[in-house]
Amino acid sequence: MTGIAVGPEVIPPEEWLPVIWGGTAPQFDNESQAQAVLAAILDRYDEIVRQITDEIVDPIFWQSGDTVIAWDWAEGFAESFALRQRHWTKMAKSEAGMLLVSHHDAL
């Protein structure tokens, strides 16, 4: 959701929720459960947007002992590019997009 929140264009939840579900909407036991899950996801999205506004992003990573596993978060961030690939490409080619390139890659 961080990639969606920082992306070059606003994407409505109706478009990114299917990505979160993995392409197939989950089956809920009842409407109350469906609303609770959707509310939790949208609350997290709103929290991410607030963090970005405050310039204090605090992603949630898996942790196993002392090992932090950020692969799922990074993969999700990369998947968000596909939702607006044309806009991300345009931004990456812009002057501001140079901030997305590591100094090592620029050499």
N, C-alpha and C. Protein backbone atom coordinates (compact mmCIF):
# COMPACT_ATOMS: atom_id res chain seq x y z
N MET A 1 0.81 -1.19 0.00
CA MET A 1 0.00 0.00 0.00
C MET A 1 0.86 1.26 0.00
N THR A 2 2.10 1.14 0.46
CA THR A 2 2.98 2.31 0.45
C THR A 2 3.24 2.76 -0.98
N GLY A 3 3.49 1.83 -1.87
CA GLY A 3 3.70 2.16 -3.28
C GLY A 3 2.50 2.84 -3.90
N ILE A 4 1.32 2.45 -3.50
CA ILE A 4 0.09 3.07 -4.00
C ILE A 4 -0.02 4.49 -3.45
N ALA A 5 0.30 4.64 -2.18
CA ALA A 5 0.18 5.94 -1.52
C ALA A 5 1.18 6.97 -2.04
N VAL A 6 2.38 6.53 -2.42
CA VAL A 6 3.40 7.48 -2.89
C VAL A 6 3.44 7.59 -4.41
N GLY A 7 2.61 6.83 -5.06
CA GLY A 7 2.63 6.80 -6.52
C GLY A 7 2.34 8.12 -7.18
N PRO A 8 2.61 8.20 -8.47
CA PRO A 8 2.46 9.44 -9.21
C PRO A 8 1.01 9.82 -9.51
N GLU A 9 0.06 8.95 -9.18
CA GLU A 9 -1.35 9.21 -9.44
C GLU A 9 -2.20 8.50 -8.40
N VAL A 10 -3.28 9.13 -7.99
CA VAL A 10 -4.19 8.52 -7.02
C VAL A 10 -4.87 7.31 -7.67
N ILE A 11 -4.88 6.21 -6.95
CA ILE A 11 -5.51 4.98 -7.44
C ILE A 11 -6.65 4.64 -6.48
N PRO A 12 -7.87 4.48 -6.98
CA PRO A 12 -8.99 4.17 -6.10
C PRO A 12 -8.87 2.76 -5.52
N PRO A 13 -9.34 2.57 -4.29
CA PRO A 13 -9.27 1.25 -3.65
C PRO A 13 -9.88 0.12 -4.50
N GLU A 14 -10.92 0.44 -5.27
CA GLU A 14 -11.55 -0.60 -6.10
C GLU A 14 -10.56 -1.20 -7.09
N GLU A 15 -9.50 -0.46 -7.39
CA GLU A 15 -8.51 -0.94 -8.34
C GLU A 15 -7.37 -1.69 -7.65
N TRP A 16 -6.97 -1.25 -6.45
CA TRP A 16 -5.83 -1.91 -5.80
C TRP A 16 -6.24 -3.02 -4.84
N LEU A 17 -7.48 -3.03 -4.37
CA LEU A 17 -7.90 -4.12 -3.47
C LEU A 17 -7.79 -5.50 -4.14
N PRO A 18 -8.20 -5.65 -5.41
CA PRO A 18 -8.03 -6.97 -6.04
C PRO A 18 -6.57 -7.45 -6.05
N VAL A 19 -5.62 -6.51 -6.13
CA VAL A 19 -4.20 -6.88 -6.09
C VAL A 19 -3.86 -7.44 -4.71
N ILE A 20 -4.39 -6.78 -3.66
CA ILE A 20 -4.16 -7.26 -2.30
C ILE A 20 -4.74 -8.66 -2.12
N TRP A 21 -5.91 -8.88 -2.71
CA TRP A 21 -6.56 -10.20 -2.57
C TRP A 21 -5.85 -11.25 -3.42
N GLY A 22 -4.93 -10.87 -4.26
CA GLY A 22 -4.26 -11.83 -5.12
C GLY A 22 -5.07 -12.16 -6.35
N GLY A 23 -5.99 -11.26 -6.72
CA GLY A 23 -6.79 -11.45 -7.93
C GLY A 23 -8.17 -12.03 -7.68
N THR A 24 -8.35 -12.70 -6.55
CA THR A 24 -9.64 -13.30 -6.22
C THR A 24 -10.09 -12.79 -4.87
N ALA A 25 -11.28 -12.19 -4.85
CA ALA A 25 -11.80 -11.66 -3.58
C ALA A 25 -12.00 -12.80 -2.58
N PRO A 26 -11.64 -12.56 -1.34
CA PRO A 26 -11.82 -13.62 -0.33
C PRO A 26 -13.29 -13.85 -0.01
N GLN A 27 -13.57 -15.01 0.52
CA GLN A 27 -14.92 -15.34 0.96
C GLN A 27 -15.01 -15.05 2.45
N PHE A 28 -15.98 -14.26 2.84
CA PHE A 28 -16.17 -13.93 4.24
C PHE A 28 -17.37 -14.70 4.79
N ASP A 29 -17.34 -14.89 6.10
CA ASP A 29 -18.44 -15.61 6.75
C ASP A 29 -19.74 -14.82 6.71
N ASN A 30 -19.60 -13.48 6.78
CA ASN A 30 -20.79 -12.62 6.77
C ASN A 30 -20.37 -11.19 6.41
N GLU A 31 -21.36 -10.35 6.25
CA GLU A 31 -21.12 -8.96 5.87
C GLU A 31 -20.32 -8.21 6.93
N SER A 32 -20.59 -8.51 8.18
CA SER A 32 -19.88 -7.85 9.28
C SER A 32 -18.38 -8.13 9.21
N GLN A 33 -18.03 -9.38 8.95
CA GLN A 33 -16.63 -9.76 8.83
C GLN A 33 -15.99 -9.05 7.63
N ALA A 34 -16.69 -9.01 6.51
CA ALA A 34 -16.18 -8.35 5.31
C ALA A 34 -15.92 -6.87 5.58
N GLN A 35 -16.85 -6.22 6.25
CA GLN A 35 -16.69 -4.80 6.56
C GLN A 35 -15.53 -4.57 7.52
N ALA A 36 -15.35 -5.45 8.49
CA ALA A 36 -14.26 -5.30 9.45
C ALA A 36 -12.90 -5.44 8.76
N VAL A 37 -12.77 -6.40 7.86
CA VAL A 37 -11.51 -6.61 7.14
C VAL A 37 -11.23 -5.41 6.23
N LEU A 38 -12.24 -4.97 5.49
CA LEU A 38 -12.06 -3.83 4.60
C LEU A 38 -11.71 -2.58 5.39
N ALA A 39 -12.36 -2.36 6.52
CA ALA A 39 -12.06 -1.20 7.37
C ALA A 39 -10.63 -1.25 7.87
N ALA A 40 -10.15 -2.42 8.26
CA ALA A 40 -8.78 -2.55 8.75
C ALA A 40 -7.77 -2.22 7.64
N ILE A 41 -8.03 -2.68 6.42
CA ILE A 41 -7.13 -2.40 5.29
C ILE A 41 -7.13 -0.91 4.98
N LEU A 42 -8.31 -0.32 4.91
CA LEU A 42 -8.40 1.11 4.59
C LEU A 42 -7.82 1.97 5.71
N ASP A 43 -7.97 1.54 6.96
CA ASP A 43 -7.35 2.25 8.09
C ASP A 43 -5.83 2.22 7.96
N ARG A 44 -5.28 1.08 7.58
CA ARG A 44 -3.83 0.97 7.41
C ARG A 44 -3.37 1.87 6.26
N TYR A 45 -4.13 1.89 5.18
CA TYR A 45 -3.79 2.77 4.05
C TYR A 45 -3.78 4.22 4.51
N ASP A 46 -4.81 4.64 5.24
CA ASP A 46 -4.88 6.01 5.76
C ASP A 46 -3.70 6.31 6.68
N GLU A 47 -3.29 5.33 7.47
CA GLU A 47 -2.14 5.50 8.36
C GLU A 47 -0.86 5.72 7.55
N ILE A 48 -0.71 4.96 6.48
CA ILE A 48 0.46 5.11 5.61
C ILE A 48 0.48 6.50 4.98
N VAL A 49 -0.67 6.97 4.51
CA VAL A 49 -0.75 8.31 3.92
C VAL A 49 -0.37 9.36 4.95
N ARG A 50 -0.86 9.23 6.20
CA ARG A 50 -0.50 10.18 7.25
C ARG A 50 1.00 10.14 7.52
N GLN A 51 1.58 8.94 7.56
CA GLN A 51 3.01 8.81 7.80
C GLN A 51 3.81 9.50 6.70
N ILE A 52 3.39 9.32 5.46
CA ILE A 52 4.08 9.96 4.34
C ILE A 52 3.99 11.47 4.46
N THR A 53 2.82 11.96 4.79
CA THR A 53 2.63 13.40 4.98
C THR A 53 3.54 13.93 6.08
N ASP A 54 3.68 13.14 7.15
CA ASP A 54 4.53 13.54 8.28
C ASP A 54 6.00 13.18 8.06
N GLU A 55 6.31 12.57 6.91
CA GLU A 55 7.66 12.14 6.55
C GLU A 55 8.25 11.16 7.56
N ILE A 56 7.38 10.30 8.10
CA ILE A 56 7.81 9.26 9.04
C ILE A 56 7.15 7.95 8.61
N VAL A 57 7.71 7.30 7.62
CA VAL A 57 7.14 6.05 7.13
C VAL A 57 7.64 4.91 8.00
N ASP A 58 6.71 4.09 8.45
CA ASP A 58 7.03 2.97 9.34
C ASP A 58 6.42 1.70 8.78
N PRO A 59 7.07 1.10 7.76
CA PRO A 59 6.51 -0.10 7.15
C PRO A 59 6.45 -1.27 8.14
N ILE A 60 5.54 -2.16 7.87
CA ILE A 60 5.42 -3.38 8.69
C ILE A 60 6.17 -4.49 7.96
N PHE A 61 7.19 -5.04 8.62
CA PHE A 61 7.97 -6.14 8.07
C PHE A 61 7.76 -7.38 8.92
N TRP A 62 7.97 -8.53 8.31
CA TRP A 62 8.00 -9.78 9.08
C TRP A 62 9.28 -9.80 9.88
N GLN A 63 9.26 -10.42 11.03
CA GLN A 63 10.47 -10.53 11.82
C GLN A 63 10.55 -11.93 12.40
N SER A 64 11.73 -12.51 12.32
CA SER A 64 12.00 -13.83 12.87
C SER A 64 13.25 -13.71 13.73
N GLY A 65 13.06 -13.65 15.03
CA GLY A 65 14.20 -13.43 15.93
C GLY A 65 14.79 -12.07 15.65
N ASP A 66 16.09 -12.04 15.36
CA ASP A 66 16.77 -10.79 15.05
C ASP A 66 16.74 -10.46 13.56
N THR A 67 16.14 -11.33 12.76
CA THR A 67 16.12 -11.15 11.31
C THR A 67 14.84 -10.44 10.88
N VAL A 68 15.01 -9.35 10.14
CA VAL A 68 13.87 -8.62 9.58
C VAL A 68 13.72 -9.04 8.13
N ILE A 69 12.52 -9.41 7.75
CA ILE A 69 12.25 -9.88 6.39
C ILE A 69 11.38 -8.85 5.69
N ALA A 70 11.96 -8.14 4.75
CA ALA A 70 11.25 -7.05 4.06
C ALA A 70 10.82 -7.45 2.65
N TRP A 71 11.05 -8.70 2.28
CA TRP A 71 10.76 -9.13 0.91
C TRP A 71 9.31 -8.90 0.52
N ASP A 72 8.36 -9.29 1.37
CA ASP A 72 6.93 -9.12 1.06
C ASP A 72 6.59 -7.65 0.84
N TRP A 73 7.13 -6.79 1.70
CA TRP A 73 6.86 -5.36 1.57
C TRP A 73 7.44 -4.84 0.26
N ALA A 74 8.68 -5.20 -0.04
CA ALA A 74 9.33 -4.73 -1.26
C ALA A 74 8.62 -5.26 -2.51
N GLU A 75 8.20 -6.51 -2.46
CA GLU A 75 7.47 -7.09 -3.59
C GLU A 75 6.14 -6.36 -3.80
N GLY A 76 5.43 -6.07 -2.72
CA GLY A 76 4.18 -5.33 -2.83
C GLY A 76 4.41 -3.93 -3.37
N PHE A 77 5.48 -3.29 -2.93
CA PHE A 77 5.81 -1.96 -3.44
C PHE A 77 6.05 -2.02 -4.94
N ALA A 78 6.81 -3.01 -5.37
CA ALA A 78 7.08 -3.16 -6.80
C ALA A 78 5.81 -3.47 -7.59
N GLU A 79 4.90 -4.26 -7.02
CA GLU A 79 3.64 -4.58 -7.69
C GLU A 79 2.80 -3.33 -7.91
N SER A 80 2.93 -2.36 -7.04
CA SER A 80 2.14 -1.14 -7.19
C SER A 80 2.52 -0.39 -8.47
N PHE A 81 3.75 -0.57 -8.95
CA PHE A 81 4.18 0.08 -10.19
C PHE A 81 3.31 -0.34 -11.36
N ALA A 82 2.92 -1.60 -11.39
CA ALA A 82 2.15 -2.13 -12.51
C ALA A 82 0.79 -1.45 -12.65
N LEU A 83 0.26 -0.91 -11.55
CA LEU A 83 -1.05 -0.26 -11.61
C LEU A 83 -1.00 1.06 -12.37
N ARG A 84 0.15 1.70 -12.41
CA ARG A 84 0.32 2.97 -13.13
C ARG A 84 1.70 3.01 -13.78
N GLN A 85 2.04 1.94 -14.47
CA GLN A 85 3.38 1.80 -15.04
C GLN A 85 3.76 2.99 -15.91
N ARG A 86 2.86 3.46 -16.74
CA ARG A 86 3.17 4.58 -17.64
C ARG A 86 3.55 5.82 -16.83
N HIS A 87 2.82 6.08 -15.74
CA HIS A 87 3.10 7.25 -14.92
C HIS A 87 4.42 7.11 -14.16
N TRP A 88 4.70 5.90 -13.64
CA TRP A 88 5.97 5.67 -12.95
C TRP A 88 7.13 5.83 -13.93
N THR A 89 6.99 5.31 -15.15
CA THR A 89 8.05 5.42 -16.15
C THR A 89 8.31 6.88 -16.49
N LYS A 90 7.24 7.63 -16.68
CA LYS A 90 7.38 9.06 -16.98
C LYS A 90 8.09 9.77 -15.83
N MET A 91 7.71 9.44 -14.59
CA MET A 91 8.33 10.08 -13.44
C MET A 91 9.80 9.68 -13.34
N ALA A 92 10.11 8.42 -13.58
CA ALA A 92 11.50 7.95 -13.47
C ALA A 92 12.41 8.63 -14.49
N LYS A 93 11.85 8.99 -15.62
CA LYS A 93 12.64 9.65 -16.66
C LYS A 93 12.76 11.15 -16.45
N SER A 94 12.02 11.68 -15.48
CA SER A 94 12.06 13.11 -15.22
C SER A 94 13.29 13.47 -14.39
N GLU A 95 13.53 14.76 -14.25
CA GLU A 95 14.65 15.21 -13.42
C GLU A 95 14.49 14.74 -11.98
N ALA A 96 13.26 14.80 -11.45
CA ALA A 96 13.00 14.34 -10.09
C ALA A 96 13.22 12.83 -9.97
N GLY A 97 13.03 12.12 -11.07
CA GLY A 97 13.21 10.67 -11.06
C GLY A 97 14.64 10.26 -10.79
N MET A 98 15.58 11.16 -10.98
CA MET A 98 16.98 10.83 -10.69
C MET A 98 17.16 10.51 -9.22
N LEU A 99 16.25 10.97 -8.38
CA LEU A 99 16.33 10.65 -6.96
C LEU A 99 16.03 9.18 -6.71
N LEU A 100 15.39 8.51 -7.69
CA LEU A 100 15.04 7.10 -7.54
C LEU A 100 16.20 6.18 -7.90
N VAL A 101 17.24 6.73 -8.50
CA VAL A 101 18.38 5.93 -8.96
C VAL A 101 19.49 6.02 -7.93
N SER A 102 20.03 4.88 -7.55
CA SER A 102 21.12 4.91 -6.59
C SER A 102 22.35 5.57 -7.22
N HIS A 103 23.19 6.13 -6.39
CA HIS A 103 24.40 6.77 -6.89
C HIS A 103 25.30 5.76 -7.61
N HIS A 104 25.30 4.53 -7.13
CA HIS A 104 26.10 3.48 -7.76
C HIS A 104 25.62 3.23 -9.18
N ASP A 105 24.29 3.18 -9.37
CA ASP A 105 23.73 2.94 -10.71
C ASP A 105 23.99 4.10 -11.65
N ALA A 106 24.10 5.30 -11.11
CA ALA A 106 24.28 6.50 -11.93
C ALA A 106 25.71 6.63 -12.44
N LEU A 107 26.65 5.88 -11.86
CA LEU A 107 28.06 6.01 -12.27
C LEU A 107 28.35 5.34 -13.57
